[in-house]
Amino acid sequence: MSALTGRGRIWGTANPRYWASLDPRRPRKQAGLILDLGRFVRPFITPDDAEAVERIIRERTGLGTSGGID
């Protein structure tokens, strides 16, 4: 996540494909998750522990494991 790919966006979107949830602390975070729900707009979230949230989502949806957040 960089200034051009979401870090500077506190809420909303400049790209109609992604919607950033409200997170005033996003500029200080290093990782975020894009949730592909099969719809045109994909939510973009930046939890405090992105790896834990990814693990929980994968466990509860049966998606399996990943190589980690890049």
PDB file of N, CA and C in Angstrom:
ATOM      1  N   MET A   1       0.856  -1.164   0.000  1.00  0.00           N
ATOM      2  CA  MET A   1       0.000   0.000   0.000  1.00  0.00           C
ATOM      3  C   MET A   1       0.903   1.228   0.000  1.00  0.00           C
ATOM      4  N   SER A   2       0.735   2.076  -0.990  1.00  0.00           N
ATOM      5  CA  SER A   2       1.539   3.293  -1.076  1.00  0.00           C
ATOM      6  C   SER A   2       0.619   4.503  -1.161  1.00  0.00           C
ATOM      7  N   ALA A   3       1.201   5.669  -1.229  1.00  0.00           N
ATOM      8  CA  ALA A   3       0.402   6.897  -1.320  1.00  0.00           C
ATOM      9  C   ALA A   3      -0.476   6.893  -2.568  1.00  0.00           C
ATOM     10  N   LEU A   4      -0.007   6.267  -3.635  1.00  0.00           N
ATOM     11  CA  LEU A   4      -0.776   6.224  -4.878  1.00  0.00           C
ATOM     12  C   LEU A   4      -1.756   5.055  -4.946  1.00  0.00           C
ATOM     13  N   THR A   5      -1.627   4.105  -4.049  1.00  0.00           N
ATOM     14  CA  THR A   5      -2.507   2.933  -4.088  1.00  0.00           C
ATOM     15  C   THR A   5      -3.338   2.767  -2.825  1.00  0.00           C
ATOM     16  N   GLY A   6      -3.688   3.851  -2.181  1.00  0.00           N
ATOM     17  CA  GLY A   6      -4.626   3.758  -1.075  1.00  0.00           C
ATOM     18  C   GLY A   6      -4.222   4.350   0.249  1.00  0.00           C
ATOM     19  N   ARG A   7      -2.956   4.495   0.510  1.00  0.00           N
ATOM     20  CA  ARG A   7      -2.543   4.973   1.825  1.00  0.00           C
ATOM     21  C   ARG A   7      -3.059   6.380   2.117  1.00  0.00           C
ATOM     22  N   GLY A   8      -3.115   7.242   1.123  1.00  0.00           N
ATOM     23  CA  GLY A   8      -3.561   8.613   1.328  1.00  0.00           C
ATOM     24  C   GLY A   8      -5.076   8.785   1.323  1.00  0.00           C
ATOM     25  N   ARG A   9      -5.808   7.746   1.008  1.00  0.00           N
ATOM     26  CA  ARG A   9      -7.262   7.819   0.929  1.00  0.00           C
ATOM     27  C   ARG A   9      -7.865   7.463   2.289  1.00  0.00           C
ATOM     28  N   ILE A  10      -8.419   8.429   2.995  1.00  0.00           N
ATOM     29  CA  ILE A  10      -9.014   8.194   4.317  1.00  0.00           C
ATOM     30  C   ILE A  10     -10.382   7.502   4.188  1.00  0.00           C
ATOM     31  N   TRP A  11     -11.137   7.874   3.156  1.00  0.00           N
ATOM     32  CA  TRP A  11     -12.489   7.328   2.982  1.00  0.00           C
ATOM     33  C   TRP A  11     -12.936   7.579   1.557  1.00  0.00           C
ATOM     34  N   GLY A  12     -13.709   6.678   0.998  1.00  0.00           N
ATOM     35  CA  GLY A  12     -14.273   6.884  -0.330  1.00  0.00           C
ATOM     36  C   GLY A  12     -13.394   6.341  -1.428  1.00  0.00           C
ATOM     37  N   THR A  13     -13.446   6.995  -2.598  1.00  0.00           N
ATOM     38  CA  THR A  13     -12.708   6.463  -3.734  1.00  0.00           C
ATOM     39  C   THR A  13     -12.350   7.524  -4.761  1.00  0.00           C
ATOM     40  N   ALA A  14     -11.273   7.287  -5.459  1.00  0.00           N
ATOM     41  CA  ALA A  14     -10.922   8.051  -6.653  1.00  0.00           C
ATOM     42  C   ALA A  14     -11.026   7.104  -7.846  1.00  0.00           C
ATOM     43  N   ASN A  15     -11.168   5.816  -7.556  1.00  0.00           N
ATOM     44  CA  ASN A  15     -11.296   4.767  -8.557  1.00  0.00           C
ATOM     45  C   ASN A  15     -12.634   4.071  -8.313  1.00  0.00           C
ATOM     46  N   PRO A  16     -13.544   4.083  -9.269  1.00  0.00           N
ATOM     47  CA  PRO A  16     -14.875   3.514  -9.037  1.00  0.00           C
ATOM     48  C   PRO A  16     -14.900   2.010  -8.791  1.00  0.00           C
ATOM     49  N   ARG A  17     -13.793   1.305  -8.949  1.00  0.00           N
ATOM     50  CA  ARG A  17     -13.751  -0.138  -8.690  1.00  0.00           C
ATOM     51  C   ARG A  17     -13.530  -0.469  -7.213  1.00  0.00           C
ATOM     52  N   TYR A  18     -13.013   0.477  -6.439  1.00  0.00           N
ATOM     53  CA  TYR A  18     -12.665   0.222  -5.040  1.00  0.00           C
ATOM     54  C   TYR A  18     -13.285   1.273  -4.137  1.00  0.00           C
ATOM     55  N   TRP A  19     -13.732   0.844  -2.954  1.00  0.00           N
ATOM     56  CA  TRP A  19     -14.292   1.766  -1.971  1.00  0.00           C
ATOM     57  C   TRP A  19     -13.528   1.597  -0.666  1.00  0.00           C
ATOM     58  N   ALA A  20     -12.887   2.647  -0.208  1.00  0.00           N
ATOM     59  CA  ALA A  20     -12.117   2.617   1.028  1.00  0.00           C
ATOM     60  C   ALA A  20     -13.027   2.919   2.211  1.00  0.00           C
ATOM     61  N   SER A  21     -13.066   1.982   3.159  1.00  0.00           N
ATOM     62  CA  SER A  21     -13.829   2.210   4.377  1.00  0.00           C
ATOM     63  C   SER A  21     -13.193   3.362   5.150  1.00  0.00           C
ATOM     64  N   LEU A  22     -13.965   4.008   5.996  1.00  0.00           N
ATOM     65  CA  LEU A  22     -13.454   5.137   6.783  1.00  0.00           C
ATOM     66  C   LEU A  22     -12.379   4.652   7.756  1.00  0.00           C
ATOM     67  N   ASP A  23     -11.186   5.182   7.632  1.00  0.00           N
ATOM     68  CA  ASP A  23     -10.082   4.847   8.525  1.00  0.00           C
ATOM     69  C   ASP A  23      -9.115   6.032   8.596  1.00  0.00           C
ATOM     70  N   PRO A  24      -9.295   6.918   9.585  1.00  0.00           N
ATOM     71  CA  PRO A  24      -8.421   8.083   9.713  1.00  0.00           C
ATOM     72  C   PRO A  24      -6.953   7.723   9.952  1.00  0.00           C
ATOM     73  N   ARG A  25      -6.683   6.493  10.394  1.00  0.00           N
ATOM     74  CA  ARG A  25      -5.300   6.078  10.661  1.00  0.00           C
ATOM     75  C   ARG A  25      -4.650   5.383   9.464  1.00  0.00           C
ATOM     76  N   ARG A  26      -5.352   5.270   8.327  1.00  0.00           N
ATOM     77  CA  ARG A  26      -4.815   4.576   7.155  1.00  0.00           C
ATOM     78  C   ARG A  26      -3.448   5.109   6.702  1.00  0.00           C
ATOM     79  N   PRO A  27      -3.182   6.418   6.717  1.00  0.00           N
ATOM     80  CA  PRO A  27      -1.861   6.888   6.250  1.00  0.00           C
ATOM     81  C   PRO A  27      -0.682   6.309   7.035  1.00  0.00           C
ATOM     82  N   ARG A  28      -0.909   5.834   8.251  1.00  0.00           N
ATOM     83  CA  ARG A  28       0.171   5.264   9.058  1.00  0.00           C
ATOM     84  C   ARG A  28       0.269   3.749   8.926  1.00  0.00           C
ATOM     85  N   LYS A  29      -0.628   3.115   8.165  1.00  0.00           N
ATOM     86  CA  LYS A  29      -0.646   1.657   8.048  1.00  0.00           C
ATOM     87  C   LYS A  29       0.116   1.203   6.807  1.00  0.00           C
ATOM     88  N   GLN A  30       0.595  -0.020   6.874  1.00  0.00           N
ATOM     89  CA  GLN A  30       1.410  -0.576   5.794  1.00  0.00           C
ATOM     90  C   GLN A  30       0.652  -1.556   4.900  1.00  0.00           C
ATOM     91  N   ALA A  31      -0.437  -2.178   5.400  1.00  0.00           N
ATOM     92  CA  ALA A  31      -1.133  -3.221   4.640  1.00  0.00           C
ATOM     93  C   ALA A  31      -2.637  -2.998   4.667  1.00  0.00           C
ATOM     94  N   GLY A  32      -3.270  -3.437   3.609  1.00  0.00           N
ATOM     95  CA  GLY A  32      -4.725  -3.365   3.507  1.00  0.00           C
ATOM     96  C   GLY A  32      -5.239  -4.592   2.777  1.00  0.00           C
ATOM     97  N   LEU A  33      -6.540  -4.790   2.812  1.00  0.00           N
ATOM     98  CA  LEU A  33      -7.164  -5.923   2.138  1.00  0.00           C
ATOM     99  C   LEU A  33      -8.237  -5.415   1.184  1.00  0.00           C
ATOM    100  N   ILE A  34      -8.266  -5.982  -0.005  1.00  0.00           N
ATOM    101  CA  ILE A  34      -9.327  -5.711  -0.968  1.00  0.00           C
ATOM    102  C   ILE A  34     -10.203  -6.949  -0.980  1.00  0.00           C
ATOM    103  N   LEU A  35     -11.491  -6.761  -0.711  1.00  0.00           N
ATOM    104  CA  LEU A  35     -12.424  -7.881  -0.634  1.00  0.00           C
ATOM    105  C   LEU A  35     -13.146  -8.030  -1.973  1.00  0.00           C
ATOM    106  N   ASP A  36     -12.873  -9.113  -2.680  1.00  0.00           N
ATOM    107  CA  ASP A  36     -13.539  -9.386  -3.950  1.00  0.00           C
ATOM    108  C   ASP A  36     -14.812 -10.159  -3.650  1.00  0.00           C
ATOM    109  N   LEU A  37     -15.931  -9.459  -3.675  1.00  0.00           N
ATOM    110  CA  LEU A  37     -17.225 -10.053  -3.349  1.00  0.00           C
ATOM    111  C   LEU A  37     -18.003 -10.452  -4.598  1.00  0.00           C
ATOM    112  N   GLY A  38     -17.336 -10.362  -5.746  1.00  0.00           N
ATOM    113  CA  GLY A  38     -17.990 -10.723  -6.997  1.00  0.00           C
ATOM    114  C   GLY A  38     -18.842  -9.605  -7.571  1.00  0.00           C
ATOM    115  N   ARG A  39     -18.672  -8.426  -7.083  1.00  0.00           N
ATOM    116  CA  ARG A  39     -19.435  -7.267  -7.570  1.00  0.00           C
ATOM    117  C   ARG A  39     -18.475  -6.263  -8.184  1.00  0.00           C
ATOM    118  N   PHE A  40     -19.021  -5.249  -8.845  1.00  0.00           N
ATOM    119  CA  PHE A  40     -18.184  -4.254  -9.520  1.00  0.00           C
ATOM    120  C   PHE A  40     -17.292  -3.504  -8.538  1.00  0.00           C
ATOM    121  N   VAL A  41     -17.866  -3.070  -7.428  1.00  0.00           N
ATOM    122  CA  VAL A  41     -17.101  -2.318  -6.427  1.00  0.00           C
ATOM    123  C   VAL A  41     -16.551  -3.291  -5.392  1.00  0.00           C
ATOM    124  N   ARG A  42     -15.262  -3.146  -5.088  1.00  0.00           N
ATOM    125  CA  ARG A  42     -14.598  -4.001  -4.108  1.00  0.00           C
ATOM    126  C   ARG A  42     -14.228  -3.168  -2.879  1.00  0.00           C
ATOM    127  N   PRO A  43     -14.691  -3.551  -1.697  1.00  0.00           N
ATOM    128  CA  PRO A  43     -14.318  -2.830  -0.479  1.00  0.00           C
ATOM    129  C   PRO A  43     -12.820  -2.964  -0.197  1.00  0.00           C
ATOM    130  N   PHE A  44     -12.236  -1.885   0.276  1.00  0.00           N
ATOM    131  CA  PHE A  44     -10.825  -1.821   0.644  1.00  0.00           C
ATOM    132  C   PHE A  44     -10.782  -1.498   2.136  1.00  0.00           C
ATOM    133  N   ILE A  45     -10.245  -2.423   2.937  1.00  0.00           N
ATOM    134  CA  ILE A  45     -10.201  -2.228   4.388  1.00  0.00           C
ATOM    135  C   ILE A  45      -8.748  -2.245   4.867  1.00  0.00           C
ATOM    136  N   THR A  46      -8.508  -1.578   5.968  1.00  0.00           N
ATOM    137  CA  THR A  46      -7.168  -1.531   6.553  1.00  0.00           C
ATOM    138  C   THR A  46      -7.260  -1.815   8.055  1.00  0.00           C
ATOM    139  N   PRO A  47      -7.447  -3.086   8.401  1.00  0.00           N
ATOM    140  CA  PRO A  47      -7.502  -3.425   9.824  1.00  0.00           C
ATOM    141  C   PRO A  47      -6.130  -3.251  10.478  1.00  0.00           C
ATOM    142  N   ASP A  48      -6.121  -3.156  11.803  1.00  0.00           N
ATOM    143  CA  ASP A  48      -4.857  -3.008  12.530  1.00  0.00           C
ATOM    144  C   ASP A  48      -3.955  -4.226  12.325  1.00  0.00           C
ATOM    145  N   ASP A  49      -4.541  -5.412  12.251  1.00  0.00           N
ATOM    146  CA  ASP A  49      -3.780  -6.644  12.023  1.00  0.00           C
ATOM    147  C   ASP A  49      -4.331  -7.317  10.768  1.00  0.00           C
ATOM    148  N   ALA A  50      -3.846  -6.900   9.615  1.00  0.00           N
ATOM    149  CA  ALA A  50      -4.369  -7.388   8.330  1.00  0.00           C
ATOM    150  C   ALA A  50      -4.165  -8.891   8.167  1.00  0.00           C
ATOM    151  N   GLU A  51      -3.053  -9.426   8.639  1.00  0.00           N
ATOM    152  CA  GLU A  51      -2.807 -10.863   8.508  1.00  0.00           C
ATOM    153  C   GLU A  51      -3.825 -11.669   9.303  1.00  0.00           C
ATOM    154  N   ALA A  52      -4.164 -11.232  10.507  1.00  0.00           N
ATOM    155  CA  ALA A  52      -5.153 -11.939  11.319  1.00  0.00           C
ATOM    156  C   ALA A  52      -6.531 -11.882  10.664  1.00  0.00           C
ATOM    157  N   VAL A  53      -6.899 -10.727  10.124  1.00  0.00           N
ATOM    158  CA  VAL A  53      -8.196 -10.592   9.453  1.00  0.00           C
ATOM    159  C   VAL A  53      -8.242 -11.475   8.215  1.00  0.00           C
ATOM    160  N   GLU A  54      -7.156 -11.507   7.446  1.00  0.00           N
ATOM    161  CA  GLU A  54      -7.113 -12.382   6.268  1.00  0.00           C
ATOM    162  C   GLU A  54      -7.274 -13.843   6.679  1.00  0.00           C
ATOM    163  N   ARG A  55      -6.583 -14.260   7.730  1.00  0.00           N
ATOM    164  CA  ARG A  55      -6.674 -15.638   8.211  1.00  0.00           C
ATOM    165  C   ARG A  55      -8.107 -15.983   8.637  1.00  0.00           C
ATOM    166  N   ILE A  56      -8.754 -15.076   9.356  1.00  0.00           N
ATOM    167  CA  ILE A  56     -10.134 -15.315   9.811  1.00  0.00           C
ATOM    168  C   ILE A  56     -11.085 -15.420   8.620  1.00  0.00           C
ATOM    169  N   ILE A  57     -10.939 -14.520   7.647  1.00  0.00           N
ATOM    170  CA  ILE A  57     -11.798 -14.559   6.464  1.00  0.00           C
ATOM    171  C   ILE A  57     -11.607 -15.879   5.719  1.00  0.00           C
ATOM    172  N   ARG A  58     -10.359 -16.290   5.539  1.00  0.00           N
ATOM    173  CA  ARG A  58     -10.081 -17.544   4.837  1.00  0.00           C
ATOM    174  C   ARG A  58     -10.645 -18.747   5.593  1.00  0.00           C
ATOM    175  N   GLU A  59     -10.516 -18.772   6.912  1.00  0.00           N
ATOM    176  CA  GLU A  59     -11.045 -19.876   7.713  1.00  0.00           C
ATOM    177  C   GLU A  59     -12.567 -19.961   7.613  1.00  0.00           C
ATOM    178  N   ARG A  60     -13.233 -18.837   7.713  1.00  0.00           N
ATOM    179  CA  ARG A  60     -14.697 -18.829   7.746  1.00  0.00           C
ATOM    180  C   ARG A  60     -15.342 -19.011   6.380  1.00  0.00           C
ATOM    181  N   THR A  61     -14.604 -18.733   5.316  1.00  0.00           N
ATOM    182  CA  THR A  61     -15.168 -18.890   3.972  1.00  0.00           C
ATOM    183  C   THR A  61     -14.678 -20.161   3.287  1.00  0.00           C
ATOM    184  N   GLY A  62     -13.725 -20.857   3.889  1.00  0.00           N
ATOM    185  CA  GLY A  62     -13.197 -22.067   3.299  1.00  0.00           C
ATOM    186  C   GLY A  62     -12.275 -21.820   2.107  1.00  0.00           C
ATOM    187  N   LEU A  63     -11.639 -20.650   2.056  1.00  0.00           N
ATOM    188  CA  LEU A  63     -10.752 -20.331   0.933  1.00  0.00           C
ATOM    189  C   LEU A  63      -9.375 -20.956   1.070  1.00  0.00           C
ATOM    190  N   GLY A  64      -9.055 -21.526   2.207  1.00  0.00           N
ATOM    191  CA  GLY A  64      -7.738 -22.114   2.376  1.00  0.00           C
ATOM    192  C   GLY A  64      -6.715 -21.092   2.804  1.00  0.00           C
ATOM    193  N   THR A  65      -5.458 -21.486   2.714  1.00  0.00           N
ATOM    194  CA  THR A  65      -4.378 -20.598   3.151  1.00  0.00           C
ATOM    195  C   THR A  65      -3.769 -19.867   1.981  1.00  0.00           C
ATOM    196  N   SER A  66      -3.043 -18.823   2.309  1.00  0.00           N
ATOM    197  CA  SER A  66      -2.325 -18.058   1.278  1.00  0.00           C
ATOM    198  C   SER A  66      -0.870 -17.987   1.701  1.00  0.00           C
ATOM    199  N   GLY A  67      -0.070 -17.407   0.856  1.00  0.00           N
ATOM    200  CA  GLY A  67       1.341 -17.223   1.168  1.00  0.00           C
ATOM    201  C   GLY A  67       1.591 -16.034   2.066  1.00  0.00           C
ATOM    202  N   GLY A  68       0.542 -15.372   2.513  1.00  0.00           N
ATOM    203  CA  GLY A  68       0.692 -14.189   3.347  1.00  0.00           C
ATOM    204  C   GLY A  68       0.386 -12.931   2.564  1.00  0.00           C
ATOM    205  N   ILE A  69       0.325 -11.836   3.243  1.00  0.00           N
ATOM    206  CA  ILE A  69       0.019 -10.542   2.627  1.00  0.00           C
ATOM    207  C   ILE A  69       1.299  -9.982   2.036  1.00  0.00           C
ATOM    208  N   ASP A  70       1.235  -9.513   0.814  1.00  0.00           N
ATOM    209  CA  ASP A  70       2.388  -8.916   0.156  1.00  0.00           C
ATOM    210  C   ASP A  70       2.346  -7.430   0.232  1.00  0.00           C
TER     211      ASP A  70
END
